Amino acid sequence: MKPILVLTLITLLTVAPVSASSAEDPMTVLQQPIDAFLTILADPQYKDETKKVEQRNALWSVVETIFDFEEISRRALARNWRDFSPTQQQEFVQVFSRILSNAYISKMQSSYQNETVEYIGREIFNGDKAMVKTKIVRESLEIPIDYYMFVKDENWKVYDITVEGVSLIRNYKTQFAKILMRKTPKVLIEQLMKKAEKQEADDSAHVRNLNVWLAVSLQGPLAHFSRPGISPATGGLTIQRSIAVP
């Protein structure tokens, strides 16, 4: 084969789209929302605890652009997904995404310490699936995080993440499977709704307590008062490890 032909083939291979349905590299697609997420976490306007709800809403709007919660829900339920009616499937997706938002975004808000994210590389599988390897760097601590993505409507979306080898989906999949051995889909959805409501009530109570503390602090000495701590609830679902990542 002539050298010029070999060079042409190499060039075509290296610049070709990563899949037939998506011309963008998954690592590039992932980096944009992660950078936006970190920017919101570091924004000084949200240091005021009374603005945490506003910050969480801003963070959630970023998360929604890159995570596919229908696919996450489908995989978390596994074979049980088909036992849910179409309406129940929609209800499950909505409440499960609420629980994830309440648990993990609140956790990240309270534990963020100017971490940075390093993008290590990515692997493409069958043209429409990918794994993007990253790590969170906090001073001397490094936490490996892998994002599993797939192509949906010509866009790369995240359907699972692993933190130090622990899968988000596998964690919930085990819990849901145990519940559905004894309970119906309707009961599971009701339980999750109660958990989501409790998470949100706990967050609201924290904000109310903080407002009282601020009001008192403006009126006199603080000798007998201490600032309430932030303790985001997980709504009763066991999280085997703290997955504080975007």
Protein backbone atom coordinates (compact mmCIF):
# COMPACT_ATOMS: atom_id res chain seq x y z
CA MET A 1 0.00 0.00 0.00
CA LYS A 2 1.37 3.42 -0.94
CA PRO A 3 2.48 5.67 1.97
CA ILE A 4 0.10 8.45 0.96
CA LEU A 5 -2.86 6.03 1.04
CA VAL A 6 -1.88 4.75 4.48
CA LEU A 7 -1.65 8.32 5.79
CA THR A 8 -5.07 9.12 4.36
CA LEU A 9 -6.67 6.10 6.03
CA ILE A 10 -5.09 6.96 9.39
CA THR A 11 -6.34 10.52 9.10
CA LEU A 12 -9.88 9.37 8.30
CA LEU A 13 -9.89 6.97 11.24
CA THR A 14 -8.68 9.54 13.72
CA VAL A 15 -11.14 12.27 12.75
CA ALA A 16 -14.19 10.07 12.15
CA PRO A 17 -17.20 10.53 14.49
CA VAL A 18 -17.18 8.30 17.55
CA SER A 19 -20.47 6.74 16.52
CA ALA A 20 -22.79 6.61 13.58
CA SER A 21 -25.36 8.73 15.40
CA SER A 22 -23.22 11.21 17.32
CA ALA A 23 -20.41 13.36 15.95
CA GLU A 24 -19.31 14.61 19.37
CA ASP A 25 -16.79 12.94 21.63
CA PRO A 26 -18.47 11.68 24.86
CA MET A 27 -15.71 13.09 27.06
CA THR A 28 -16.21 16.54 25.56
CA VAL A 29 -19.98 16.24 25.98
CA LEU A 30 -19.55 15.25 29.63
CA GLN A 31 -16.98 17.92 30.46
CA GLN A 32 -19.26 20.84 29.65
CA PRO A 33 -21.99 20.12 32.25
CA ILE A 34 -19.47 18.97 34.88
CA ASP A 35 -17.58 22.25 34.55
CA ALA A 36 -20.86 24.16 34.77
CA PHE A 37 -21.82 22.14 37.86
CA LEU A 38 -18.54 22.95 39.61
CA THR A 39 -18.89 26.62 38.70
CA ILE A 40 -22.29 26.75 40.43
CA LEU A 41 -20.93 24.92 43.49
CA ALA A 42 -18.10 27.44 43.79
CA ASP A 43 -20.25 30.51 43.12
CA PRO A 44 -19.87 32.82 46.17
CA GLN A 45 -23.45 34.06 45.91
CA TYR A 46 -24.58 30.64 47.20
CA LYS A 47 -22.46 30.72 50.35
CA ASP A 48 -25.51 32.14 52.09
CA GLU A 49 -27.26 29.07 53.49
CA THR A 50 -30.66 30.56 52.73
CA LYS A 51 -29.81 30.31 49.01
CA LYS A 52 -29.07 26.58 49.06
CA VAL A 53 -32.44 25.68 47.55
CA GLU A 54 -31.84 28.13 44.72
CA GLN A 55 -28.38 26.65 44.19
CA ARG A 56 -29.72 23.11 44.19
CA ASN A 57 -32.28 24.02 41.53
CA ALA A 58 -29.50 25.48 39.40
CA LEU A 59 -27.40 22.34 39.88
CA TRP A 60 -30.34 20.11 39.02
CA SER A 61 -30.96 21.99 35.77
CA VAL A 62 -27.40 21.08 34.76
CA VAL A 63 -27.71 17.45 35.82
CA GLU A 64 -30.88 17.01 33.75
CA THR A 65 -29.02 17.89 30.56
CA ILE A 66 -26.57 14.97 30.76
CA PHE A 67 -28.22 12.21 32.87
CA ASP A 68 -30.99 10.07 31.39
CA PHE A 69 -33.16 9.25 34.39
CA GLU A 70 -35.52 7.03 32.44
CA GLU A 71 -32.62 4.77 31.48
CA ILE A 72 -31.21 4.94 35.02
CA SER A 73 -34.62 3.93 36.39
CA ARG A 74 -35.03 1.14 33.86
CA ARG A 75 -31.65 -0.34 34.75
CA ALA A 76 -32.19 0.09 38.49
CA LEU A 77 -35.42 -1.91 38.26
CA ALA A 78 -33.94 -4.41 35.78
CA ARG A 79 -36.45 -7.16 34.92
CA ASN A 80 -39.01 -5.62 37.28
CA TRP A 81 -39.39 -2.64 34.94
CA ARG A 82 -41.82 -4.57 32.74
CA ASP A 83 -44.07 -5.22 35.74
CA PHE A 84 -44.76 -1.48 35.99
CA SER A 85 -47.53 -0.01 33.87
CA PRO A 86 -46.53 2.90 31.58
CA THR A 87 -48.03 5.33 34.10
CA GLN A 88 -46.19 3.66 36.97
CA GLN A 89 -42.96 3.79 34.99
CA GLN A 90 -43.32 7.54 34.58
CA GLU A 91 -44.15 7.96 38.27
CA PHE A 92 -41.15 5.88 39.26
CA VAL A 93 -38.78 7.89 37.06
CA GLN A 94 -40.06 11.15 38.55
CA VAL A 95 -39.83 10.12 42.20
CA PHE A 96 -36.53 8.25 41.82
CA SER A 97 -34.93 11.29 40.20
CA ARG A 98 -36.26 13.41 43.10
CA ILE A 99 -34.63 11.10 45.62
CA LEU A 100 -31.30 11.16 43.78
CA SER A 101 -31.44 14.94 43.57
CA ASN A 102 -32.33 15.38 47.23
CA ALA A 103 -29.68 12.96 48.47
CA TYR A 104 -26.68 13.54 46.26
CA ILE A 105 -26.94 17.21 45.33
CA SER A 106 -27.54 18.16 48.97
CA LYS A 107 -24.52 16.05 49.91
CA MET A 108 -22.35 17.80 47.36
CA GLN A 109 -23.52 21.23 48.48
CA SER A 110 -22.51 20.54 52.06
CA SER A 111 -19.20 18.76 51.36
CA TYR A 112 -17.74 20.72 48.42
CA GLN A 113 -14.19 21.90 49.14
CA ASN A 114 -13.00 23.40 45.85
CA GLU A 115 -12.41 20.01 44.25
CA THR A 116 -11.35 19.80 40.64
CA VAL A 117 -12.09 17.11 38.06
CA GLU A 118 -9.44 15.57 35.84
CA TYR A 119 -10.50 13.82 32.63
CA ILE A 120 -8.34 10.76 32.12
CA GLY A 121 -9.72 9.18 28.96
CA ARG A 122 -12.60 7.35 27.39
CA GLU A 123 -13.45 4.06 25.73
CA ILE A 124 -16.09 3.56 23.03
CA PHE A 125 -18.09 0.32 22.83
CA ASN A 126 -20.01 -0.68 19.69
CA GLY A 127 -20.14 2.94 18.57
CA ASP A 128 -23.06 3.93 20.82
CA LYS A 129 -21.78 3.27 24.36
CA ALA A 130 -18.84 4.77 26.18
CA MET A 131 -17.03 4.91 29.51
CA VAL A 132 -15.42 8.22 30.46
CA LYS A 133 -12.79 7.94 33.18
CA THR A 134 -12.31 10.89 35.52
CA LYS A 135 -11.07 11.56 39.01
CA ILE A 136 -11.99 14.14 41.63
CA VAL A 137 -8.98 15.80 43.18
CA ARG A 138 -9.19 17.28 46.67
CA GLU A 139 -5.77 18.31 48.00
CA SER A 140 -3.99 14.97 48.48
CA LEU A 141 -7.11 12.85 47.92
CA GLU A 142 -8.06 11.45 44.52
CA ILE A 143 -11.36 9.66 43.87
CA PRO A 144 -11.78 7.72 40.60
CA ILE A 145 -15.17 8.12 38.94
CA ASP A 146 -16.27 6.44 35.73
CA TYR A 147 -19.28 7.65 33.75
CA TYR A 148 -21.13 5.14 31.58
CA MET A 149 -22.86 6.75 28.63
CA PHE A 150 -24.99 5.79 25.66
CA VAL A 151 -26.31 7.53 22.57
CA LYS A 152 -29.94 8.60 22.73
CA ASP A 153 -31.48 10.78 20.02
CA GLU A 154 -27.96 11.45 18.69
CA ASN A 155 -26.78 12.76 22.06
CA TRP A 156 -24.53 11.18 24.67
CA LYS A 157 -26.30 10.61 28.01
CA VAL A 158 -25.12 9.17 31.34
CA TYR A 159 -26.91 6.03 32.56
CA ASP A 160 -24.59 4.94 35.39
CA ILE A 161 -21.56 6.05 37.38
CA THR A 162 -19.08 4.12 39.48
CA VAL A 163 -17.17 5.66 42.36
CA GLU A 164 -14.12 3.67 43.38
CA GLY A 165 -15.68 0.73 41.58
CA VAL A 166 -19.10 1.02 43.25
CA SER A 167 -21.99 1.33 40.78
CA LEU A 168 -24.86 3.72 41.51
CA ILE A 169 -27.32 1.51 39.64
CA ARG A 170 -26.18 -1.71 41.27
CA ASN A 171 -26.60 -0.15 44.68
CA TYR A 172 -30.28 0.70 44.12
CA LYS A 173 -30.96 -2.35 41.94
CA THR A 174 -30.30 -4.67 44.87
CA GLN A 175 -32.55 -2.69 47.20
CA PHE A 176 -35.43 -2.41 44.73
CA ALA A 177 -35.25 -6.12 43.89
CA LYS A 178 -35.59 -7.04 47.56
CA ILE A 179 -38.57 -4.72 48.04
CA LEU A 180 -40.35 -5.95 44.90
CA MET A 181 -40.06 -9.55 46.06
CA ARG A 182 -42.61 -8.63 48.74
CA LYS A 183 -44.31 -5.48 47.50
CA THR A 184 -46.11 -4.33 44.35
CA PRO A 185 -44.82 -1.56 42.07
CA LYS A 186 -47.59 0.69 43.44
CA VAL A 187 -46.38 0.19 47.02
CA LEU A 188 -42.75 0.82 46.06
CA ILE A 189 -43.67 4.09 44.36
CA GLU A 190 -45.68 5.18 47.40
CA GLN A 191 -42.75 4.37 49.69
CA LEU A 192 -40.38 6.35 47.50
CA MET A 193 -42.75 9.32 47.45
CA LYS A 194 -42.82 9.33 51.25
CA LYS A 195 -39.02 9.19 51.34
CA ALA A 196 -38.73 12.09 48.88
CA GLU A 197 -41.22 14.14 50.91
CA LYS A 198 -39.26 13.45 54.09
CA GLN A 199 -36.01 14.53 52.43
CA GLU A 200 -37.60 17.78 51.31
CA ALA A 201 -39.25 18.38 54.68
CA ASP A 202 -35.91 17.90 56.43
CA ASP A 203 -34.28 20.40 54.09
CA SER A 204 -37.10 22.90 54.66
CA ALA A 205 -36.81 22.47 58.44
CA HIS A 206 -33.09 23.19 58.21
CA VAL A 207 -33.74 26.42 56.32
CA ARG A 208 -36.39 27.48 58.86
CA ASN A 209 -34.02 26.78 61.74
CA LEU A 210 -31.30 28.73 60.01
CA ASN A 211 -33.59 31.71 59.52
CA VAL A 212 -34.39 31.67 63.24
CA TRP A 213 -30.70 31.51 64.06
CA LEU A 214 -29.99 34.47 61.77
CA ALA A 215 -32.81 36.50 63.28
CA VAL A 216 -31.57 35.86 66.81
CA SER A 217 -27.96 36.56 65.87
CA LEU A 218 -28.95 40.00 64.66
CA GLN A 219 -30.66 40.80 67.96
CA GLY A 220 -28.05 39.88 70.54
CA PRO A 221 -25.06 37.86 71.67
CA LEU A 222 -24.68 34.31 70.34
CA ALA A 223 -23.40 32.78 73.57
CA HIS A 224 -26.29 30.36 73.88
CA PHE A 225 -26.77 29.57 70.22
CA SER A 226 -24.93 27.37 67.77
CA ARG A 227 -25.34 27.22 64.05
CA PRO A 228 -27.38 24.22 62.99
CA GLY A 229 -25.41 21.68 61.00
CA ILE A 230 -26.30 20.45 57.55
CA SER A 231 -27.24 16.81 57.50
CA PRO A 232 -28.90 15.92 54.17
CA ALA A 233 -31.24 12.97 54.49
CA THR A 234 -31.08 10.02 52.14
CA GLY A 235 -34.75 9.30 52.67
CA GLY A 236 -34.19 5.90 54.23
CA LEU A 237 -32.61 4.25 51.19
CA THR A 238 -29.22 2.89 52.10
CA ILE A 239 -26.36 4.42 50.15
CA GLN A 240 -23.44 2.04 50.51
CA ARG A 241 -20.91 4.78 49.81
CA SER A 242 -21.15 8.54 49.63
CA ILE A 243 -21.18 9.29 45.93
CA ALA A 244 -20.51 13.03 46.01
CA VAL A 245 -20.03 13.61 42.29
CA PRO A 246 -21.83 15.48 39.56
